Amino acid sequence: MVKDFGFDLLNVGIGILILLVILGIGAFVFSRLTRFQDGEEIANGNEAAGMYMGSKLLGLCIIVAMVSFSSHSWTAMLLWSAVGILLLCLVYLLFDWVTPKIKVCEEIKRGNMAVAQLLRSLIIGVSVVIGTFLM
């Protein structure tokens, strides 16, 4: 019983470490994809930028949760989580492309909460679907 607890605790610790690495990589990739400085906008109180970045990270957590449930190795979890990051980036680029009247980055930088909320719903919904596909 104690042996199992120690092993389970070690697995939780490794899982959390992997999650933090994936979120760090995801935040880096997502911030490179936007045409404004996410961190600067958030530090200046831009709620739309905070909601947008938070939604991307929440979406990534959803994907990681689903991937970790079905993965039998840490390597598989990392690999499929990376695929999840790429797919979320593709969804953003596709959304930006199919909505040329809405300049996503410009609207978020301006603090447009309507666009941020639309993107939040899209990102979270797509993350659930992507996570299901990757299970």
N, C-alpha and C. Protein backbone atom coordinates (compact mmCIF):
# COMPACT_ATOMS: atom_id res chain seq x y z
N MET A 1 0.82 -1.19 0.00
CA MET A 1 0.00 0.00 0.00
C MET A 1 0.87 1.26 0.00
N VAL A 2 1.85 1.34 0.91
CA VAL A 2 2.73 2.50 0.97
C VAL A 2 3.58 2.59 -0.29
N LYS A 3 4.02 1.43 -0.76
CA LYS A 3 4.83 1.40 -1.99
C LYS A 3 4.02 1.96 -3.16
N ASP A 4 2.75 1.56 -3.28
CA ASP A 4 1.90 2.07 -4.35
C ASP A 4 1.68 3.57 -4.21
N PHE A 5 1.50 4.05 -2.98
CA PHE A 5 1.30 5.48 -2.75
C PHE A 5 2.52 6.28 -3.20
N GLY A 6 3.69 5.80 -2.86
CA GLY A 6 4.92 6.49 -3.27
C GLY A 6 5.08 6.51 -4.78
N PHE A 7 4.77 5.40 -5.42
CA PHE A 7 4.85 5.32 -6.88
C PHE A 7 3.81 6.24 -7.52
N ASP A 8 2.60 6.24 -6.99
CA ASP A 8 1.55 7.11 -7.51
C ASP A 8 1.90 8.58 -7.32
N LEU A 9 2.48 8.91 -6.17
CA LEU A 9 2.88 10.28 -5.90
C LEU A 9 3.98 10.72 -6.87
N LEU A 10 4.92 9.83 -7.15
CA LEU A 10 5.97 10.12 -8.11
C LEU A 10 5.36 10.37 -9.50
N ASN A 11 4.40 9.56 -9.89
CA ASN A 11 3.73 9.74 -11.18
C ASN A 11 2.99 11.07 -11.25
N VAL A 12 2.34 11.45 -10.17
CA VAL A 12 1.65 12.75 -10.14
C VAL A 12 2.67 13.87 -10.31
N GLY A 13 3.78 13.77 -9.60
CA GLY A 13 4.83 14.79 -9.70
C GLY A 13 5.39 14.89 -11.11
N ILE A 14 5.66 13.76 -11.74
CA ILE A 14 6.16 13.76 -13.11
C ILE A 14 5.11 14.34 -14.05
N GLY A 15 3.85 13.97 -13.85
CA GLY A 15 2.77 14.50 -14.68
C GLY A 15 2.65 16.00 -14.58
N ILE A 16 2.75 16.53 -13.36
CA ILE A 16 2.67 17.98 -13.17
C ILE A 16 3.86 18.67 -13.82
N LEU A 17 5.04 18.09 -13.69
CA LEU A 17 6.23 18.66 -14.33
C LEU A 17 6.06 18.69 -15.86
N ILE A 18 5.57 17.59 -16.41
CA ILE A 18 5.34 17.54 -17.86
C ILE A 18 4.28 18.57 -18.26
N LEU A 19 3.22 18.70 -17.48
CA LEU A 19 2.19 19.70 -17.77
C LEU A 19 2.78 21.10 -17.80
N LEU A 20 3.61 21.42 -16.81
CA LEU A 20 4.23 22.76 -16.77
C LEU A 20 5.13 23.00 -17.97
N VAL A 21 5.86 21.98 -18.38
CA VAL A 21 6.72 22.10 -19.57
C VAL A 21 5.85 22.35 -20.81
N ILE A 22 4.79 21.57 -20.94
CA ILE A 22 3.90 21.71 -22.10
C ILE A 22 3.24 23.09 -22.11
N LEU A 23 2.78 23.55 -20.95
CA LEU A 23 2.17 24.89 -20.88
C LEU A 23 3.19 25.97 -21.21
N GLY A 24 4.42 25.81 -20.74
CA GLY A 24 5.47 26.78 -21.06
C GLY A 24 5.74 26.83 -22.56
N ILE A 25 5.85 25.66 -23.16
CA ILE A 25 6.08 25.60 -24.61
C ILE A 25 4.87 26.16 -25.35
N GLY A 26 3.67 25.78 -24.89
CA GLY A 26 2.44 26.30 -25.52
C GLY A 26 2.35 27.81 -25.44
N ALA A 27 2.63 28.38 -24.26
CA ALA A 27 2.59 29.84 -24.10
C ALA A 27 3.59 30.51 -25.03
N PHE A 28 4.78 29.93 -25.14
CA PHE A 28 5.80 30.48 -26.03
C PHE A 28 5.34 30.44 -27.48
N VAL A 29 4.84 29.29 -27.91
CA VAL A 29 4.39 29.14 -29.31
C VAL A 29 3.21 30.06 -29.58
N PHE A 30 2.24 30.09 -28.66
CA PHE A 30 1.06 30.93 -28.85
C PHE A 30 1.44 32.41 -28.91
N SER A 31 2.38 32.83 -28.08
CA SER A 31 2.77 34.25 -28.08
C SER A 31 3.52 34.61 -29.35
N ARG A 32 4.22 33.67 -29.95
CA ARG A 32 4.90 33.92 -31.23
C ARG A 32 3.91 34.03 -32.37
N LEU A 33 2.76 33.40 -32.22
CA LEU A 33 1.75 33.38 -33.26
C LEU A 33 0.99 34.70 -33.31
N THR A 34 0.87 35.37 -32.18
CA THR A 34 0.13 36.64 -32.16
C THR A 34 1.03 37.77 -32.62
N ARG A 35 0.39 38.82 -33.13
CA ARG A 35 1.14 39.96 -33.65
C ARG A 35 1.24 41.10 -32.64
N PHE A 36 1.17 40.75 -31.37
CA PHE A 36 1.38 41.72 -30.30
C PHE A 36 2.04 41.00 -29.15
N GLN A 37 2.52 41.74 -28.18
CA GLN A 37 3.21 41.17 -27.02
C GLN A 37 2.19 40.78 -25.97
N ASP A 38 1.89 39.48 -25.88
CA ASP A 38 0.88 39.00 -24.93
C ASP A 38 1.17 39.45 -23.50
N GLY A 39 2.38 39.15 -23.06
CA GLY A 39 2.75 39.47 -21.68
C GLY A 39 2.63 40.95 -21.38
N GLU A 40 3.04 41.77 -22.30
CA GLU A 40 2.97 43.22 -22.11
C GLU A 40 1.51 43.69 -22.05
N GLU A 41 0.69 43.18 -22.94
CA GLU A 41 -0.73 43.56 -22.94
C GLU A 41 -1.41 43.13 -21.65
N ILE A 42 -1.11 41.91 -21.20
CA ILE A 42 -1.71 41.42 -19.97
C ILE A 42 -1.23 42.24 -18.78
N ALA A 43 0.07 42.54 -18.74
CA ALA A 43 0.62 43.36 -17.65
C ALA A 43 0.00 44.75 -17.62
N ASN A 44 -0.40 45.26 -18.78
CA ASN A 44 -1.03 46.58 -18.87
C ASN A 44 -2.53 46.54 -18.60
N GLY A 45 -3.05 45.37 -18.26
CA GLY A 45 -4.45 45.27 -17.89
C GLY A 45 -5.40 44.99 -19.03
N ASN A 46 -4.89 44.54 -20.16
CA ASN A 46 -5.76 44.22 -21.30
C ASN A 46 -6.47 42.90 -21.01
N GLU A 47 -7.73 43.00 -20.59
CA GLU A 47 -8.50 41.81 -20.22
C GLU A 47 -8.72 40.89 -21.41
N ALA A 48 -8.89 41.44 -22.58
CA ALA A 48 -9.10 40.61 -23.77
C ALA A 48 -7.87 39.74 -24.03
N ALA A 49 -6.68 40.33 -23.88
CA ALA A 49 -5.44 39.56 -24.09
C ALA A 49 -5.31 38.48 -23.02
N GLY A 50 -5.67 38.81 -21.79
CA GLY A 50 -5.61 37.82 -20.71
C GLY A 50 -6.59 36.68 -20.93
N MET A 51 -7.80 37.02 -21.37
CA MET A 51 -8.79 35.99 -21.63
C MET A 51 -8.35 35.10 -22.79
N TYR A 52 -7.79 35.71 -23.80
CA TYR A 52 -7.35 34.97 -24.98
C TYR A 52 -6.21 34.01 -24.63
N MET A 53 -5.19 34.51 -23.93
CA MET A 53 -4.07 33.64 -23.55
C MET A 53 -4.53 32.58 -22.55
N GLY A 54 -5.35 32.98 -21.60
CA GLY A 54 -5.87 32.02 -20.63
C GLY A 54 -6.69 30.92 -21.30
N SER A 55 -7.44 31.29 -22.31
CA SER A 55 -8.24 30.30 -23.04
C SER A 55 -7.36 29.32 -23.79
N LYS A 56 -6.29 29.81 -24.37
CA LYS A 56 -5.37 28.92 -25.08
C LYS A 56 -4.72 27.94 -24.10
N LEU A 57 -4.33 28.43 -22.94
CA LEU A 57 -3.70 27.56 -21.94
C LEU A 57 -4.72 26.58 -21.35
N LEU A 58 -5.94 27.04 -21.11
CA LEU A 58 -6.99 26.14 -20.62
C LEU A 58 -7.27 25.06 -21.67
N GLY A 59 -7.35 25.47 -22.93
CA GLY A 59 -7.56 24.50 -24.00
C GLY A 59 -6.45 23.47 -24.04
N LEU A 60 -5.24 23.93 -23.85
CA LEU A 60 -4.10 23.01 -23.84
C LEU A 60 -4.18 22.07 -22.64
N CYS A 61 -4.61 22.57 -21.49
CA CYS A 61 -4.79 21.70 -20.32
C CYS A 61 -5.84 20.63 -20.58
N ILE A 62 -6.91 20.99 -21.27
CA ILE A 62 -7.94 20.02 -21.62
C ILE A 62 -7.35 18.92 -22.49
N ILE A 63 -6.57 19.32 -23.48
CA ILE A 63 -5.93 18.34 -24.37
C ILE A 63 -4.98 17.44 -23.58
N VAL A 64 -4.14 18.05 -22.74
CA VAL A 64 -3.18 17.27 -21.95
C VAL A 64 -3.92 16.29 -21.03
N ALA A 65 -5.02 16.73 -20.42
CA ALA A 65 -5.78 15.85 -19.53
C ALA A 65 -6.29 14.64 -20.29
N MET A 66 -6.85 14.87 -21.46
CA MET A 66 -7.38 13.75 -22.24
C MET A 66 -6.28 12.84 -22.76
N VAL A 67 -5.19 13.45 -23.17
CA VAL A 67 -4.06 12.67 -23.68
C VAL A 67 -3.44 11.85 -22.55
N SER A 68 -3.31 12.43 -21.36
CA SER A 68 -2.70 11.70 -20.26
C SER A 68 -3.57 10.54 -19.81
N PHE A 69 -4.87 10.68 -19.98
CA PHE A 69 -5.78 9.60 -19.61
C PHE A 69 -5.59 8.36 -20.48
N SER A 70 -5.26 8.61 -21.75
CA SER A 70 -5.15 7.49 -22.67
C SER A 70 -3.72 7.06 -22.98
N SER A 71 -2.74 7.84 -22.55
CA SER A 71 -1.34 7.52 -22.85
C SER A 71 -0.79 6.53 -21.82
N HIS A 72 0.05 5.65 -22.31
CA HIS A 72 0.65 4.67 -21.42
C HIS A 72 2.13 4.95 -21.16
N SER A 73 2.59 6.10 -21.67
CA SER A 73 3.97 6.49 -21.40
C SER A 73 4.07 8.01 -21.39
N TRP A 74 5.10 8.50 -20.70
CA TRP A 74 5.32 9.94 -20.65
C TRP A 74 5.69 10.47 -22.03
N THR A 75 6.41 9.67 -22.80
CA THR A 75 6.81 10.08 -24.15
C THR A 75 5.59 10.27 -25.04
N ALA A 76 4.65 9.34 -24.97
CA ALA A 76 3.42 9.45 -25.76
C ALA A 76 2.63 10.68 -25.35
N MET A 77 2.60 10.94 -24.05
CA MET A 77 1.89 12.13 -23.55
C MET A 77 2.51 13.40 -24.11
N LEU A 78 3.83 13.48 -24.08
CA LEU A 78 4.52 14.64 -24.63
C LEU A 78 4.28 14.80 -26.12
N LEU A 79 4.38 13.70 -26.84
CA LEU A 79 4.19 13.72 -28.30
C LEU A 79 2.79 14.19 -28.67
N TRP A 80 1.77 13.58 -28.06
CA TRP A 80 0.40 13.94 -28.41
C TRP A 80 0.03 15.32 -27.91
N SER A 81 0.63 15.77 -26.83
CA SER A 81 0.41 17.14 -26.36
C SER A 81 1.00 18.14 -27.35
N ALA A 82 2.16 17.81 -27.91
CA ALA A 82 2.76 18.67 -28.94
C ALA A 82 1.86 18.74 -30.17
N VAL A 83 1.28 17.60 -30.53
CA VAL A 83 0.31 17.59 -31.64
C VAL A 83 -0.87 18.50 -31.30
N GLY A 84 -1.31 18.46 -30.05
CA GLY A 84 -2.40 19.33 -29.60
C GLY A 84 -2.05 20.81 -29.74
N ILE A 85 -0.82 21.18 -29.38
CA ILE A 85 -0.38 22.58 -29.53
C ILE A 85 -0.45 22.97 -31.00
N LEU A 86 0.07 22.12 -31.87
CA LEU A 86 0.05 22.42 -33.30
C LEU A 86 -1.37 22.55 -33.84
N LEU A 87 -2.25 21.67 -33.40
CA LEU A 87 -3.63 21.74 -33.87
C LEU A 87 -4.33 23.01 -33.39
N LEU A 88 -4.08 23.41 -32.14
CA LEU A 88 -4.67 24.67 -31.65
C LEU A 88 -4.15 25.86 -32.46
N CYS A 89 -2.87 25.83 -32.81
CA CYS A 89 -2.31 26.90 -33.63
C CYS A 89 -2.97 26.92 -35.01
N LEU A 90 -3.17 25.75 -35.58
CA LEU A 90 -3.83 25.67 -36.89
C LEU A 90 -5.27 26.18 -36.83
N VAL A 91 -5.97 25.89 -35.75
CA VAL A 91 -7.34 26.39 -35.59
C VAL A 91 -7.34 27.91 -35.54
N TYR A 92 -6.40 28.48 -34.78
CA TYR A 92 -6.30 29.94 -34.72
C TYR A 92 -6.03 30.52 -36.11
N LEU A 93 -5.07 29.96 -36.82
CA LEU A 93 -4.73 30.46 -38.16
C LEU A 93 -5.91 30.30 -39.12
N LEU A 94 -6.60 29.19 -39.03
CA LEU A 94 -7.77 28.97 -39.88
C LEU A 94 -8.87 29.97 -39.56
N PHE A 95 -9.13 30.20 -38.27
CA PHE A 95 -10.14 31.18 -37.86
C PHE A 95 -9.77 32.57 -38.38
N ASP A 96 -8.52 32.93 -38.24
CA ASP A 96 -8.04 34.23 -38.71
C ASP A 96 -8.22 34.35 -40.22
N TRP A 97 -8.01 33.26 -40.93
CA TRP A 97 -8.11 33.25 -42.39
C TRP A 97 -9.57 33.33 -42.86
N VAL A 98 -10.48 32.60 -42.20
CA VAL A 98 -11.87 32.57 -42.65
C VAL A 98 -12.69 33.77 -42.15
N THR A 99 -12.11 34.58 -41.29
CA THR A 99 -12.80 35.78 -40.82
C THR A 99 -11.94 37.01 -41.12
N PRO A 100 -11.76 37.33 -42.42
CA PRO A 100 -10.87 38.44 -42.77
C PRO A 100 -11.37 39.81 -42.29
N LYS A 101 -12.67 39.94 -42.02
CA LYS A 101 -13.19 41.22 -41.54
C LYS A 101 -12.82 41.47 -40.08
N ILE A 102 -12.54 40.39 -39.36
CA ILE A 102 -12.13 40.52 -37.95
C ILE A 102 -10.62 40.32 -37.90
N LYS A 103 -9.91 41.38 -37.65
CA LYS A 103 -8.46 41.27 -37.47
C LYS A 103 -8.22 40.88 -36.01
N VAL A 104 -8.10 39.57 -35.79
CA VAL A 104 -8.09 39.01 -34.44
C VAL A 104 -7.06 39.70 -33.55
N CYS A 105 -5.82 39.75 -33.98
CA CYS A 105 -4.77 40.33 -33.13
C CYS A 105 -5.02 41.81 -32.85
N GLU A 106 -5.46 42.54 -33.86
CA GLU A 106 -5.74 43.97 -33.65
C GLU A 106 -6.87 44.16 -32.66
N GLU A 107 -7.92 43.35 -32.78
CA GLU A 107 -9.07 43.47 -31.88
C GLU A 107 -8.71 43.10 -30.44
N ILE A 108 -7.93 42.05 -30.28
CA ILE A 108 -7.50 41.66 -28.93
C ILE A 108 -6.61 42.75 -28.34
N LYS A 109 -5.70 43.27 -29.14
CA LYS A 109 -4.82 44.33 -28.65
C LYS A 109 -5.62 45.57 -28.24
N ARG A 110 -6.71 45.84 -28.96
CA ARG A 110 -7.57 46.97 -28.62
C ARG A 110 -8.42 46.70 -27.38
N GLY A 111 -8.44 45.43 -26.93
CA GLY A 111 -9.20 45.09 -25.75
C GLY A 111 -10.64 44.68 -26.05
N ASN A 112 -10.90 44.26 -27.28
CA ASN A 112 -12.25 43.87 -27.69
C ASN A 112 -12.64 42.55 -27.02
N MET A 113 -13.46 42.65 -25.97
CA MET A 113 -13.86 41.47 -25.21
C MET A 113 -14.79 40.56 -26.00
N ALA A 114 -15.55 41.11 -26.93
CA ALA A 114 -16.44 40.27 -27.74
C ALA A 114 -15.63 39.28 -28.57
N VAL A 115 -14.56 39.75 -29.17
CA VAL A 115 -13.69 38.87 -29.95
C VAL A 115 -13.00 37.88 -29.03
N ALA A 116 -12.54 38.33 -27.87
CA ALA A 116 -11.87 37.44 -26.91
C ALA A 116 -12.82 36.33 -26.45
N GLN A 117 -14.08 36.68 -26.19
CA GLN A 117 -15.04 35.67 -25.75
C GLN A 117 -15.39 34.70 -26.87
N LEU A 118 -15.48 35.20 -28.08
CA LEU A 118 -15.72 34.31 -29.23
C LEU A 118 -14.56 33.32 -29.37
N LEU A 119 -13.34 33.82 -29.29
CA LEU A 119 -12.17 32.96 -29.39
C LEU A 119 -12.09 31.98 -28.22
N ARG A 120 -12.46 32.44 -27.03
CA ARG A 120 -12.44 31.55 -25.86
C ARG A 120 -13.36 30.36 -26.10
N SER A 121 -14.56 30.62 -26.56
CA SER A 121 -15.50 29.52 -26.81
C SER A 121 -14.99 28.59 -27.90
N LEU A 122 -14.46 29.16 -28.95
CA LEU A 122 -13.92 28.36 -30.05
C LEU A 122 -12.76 27.49 -29.57
N ILE A 123 -11.82 28.08 -28.84
CA ILE A 123 -10.63 27.36 -28.39
C ILE A 123 -11.00 26.23 -27.43
N ILE A 124 -11.88 26.52 -26.47
CA ILE A 124 -12.25 25.49 -25.50
C ILE A 124 -13.02 24.36 -26.18
N GLY A 125 -13.96 24.72 -27.04
CA GLY A 125 -14.72 23.70 -27.76
C GLY A 125 -13.85 22.83 -28.64
N VAL A 126 -12.97 23.47 -29.38
CA VAL A 126 -12.07 22.73 -30.27
C VAL A 126 -11.10 21.87 -29.45
N SER A 127 -10.68 22.35 -28.29
CA SER A 127 -9.76 21.57 -27.45
C SER A 127 -10.41 20.28 -26.97
N VAL A 128 -11.69 20.34 -26.63
CA VAL A 128 -12.39 19.13 -26.23
C VAL A 128 -12.44 18.14 -27.39
N VAL A 129 -12.72 18.64 -28.58
CA VAL A 129 -12.78 17.77 -29.76
C VAL A 129 -11.40 17.21 -30.07
N ILE A 130 -10.37 18.06 -30.07
CA ILE A 130 -9.00 17.60 -30.35
C ILE A 130 -8.58 16.55 -29.31
N GLY A 131 -8.85 16.85 -28.04
CA GLY A 131 -8.50 15.91 -26.98
C GLY A 131 -9.18 14.56 -27.17
N THR A 132 -10.42 14.59 -27.60
CA THR A 132 -11.15 13.34 -27.87
C THR A 132 -10.51 12.59 -29.02
N PHE A 133 -10.13 13.30 -30.07
CA PHE A 133 -9.48 12.65 -31.21
C PHE A 133 -8.16 12.01 -30.80
N LEU A 134 -7.43 12.67 -29.89
CA LEU A 134 -6.10 12.19 -29.52
C LEU A 134 -6.12 11.10 -28.45
N MET A 135 -7.30 10.82 -27.91
CA MET A 135 -7.41 9.79 -26.87
C MET A 135 -7.19 8.41 -27.44
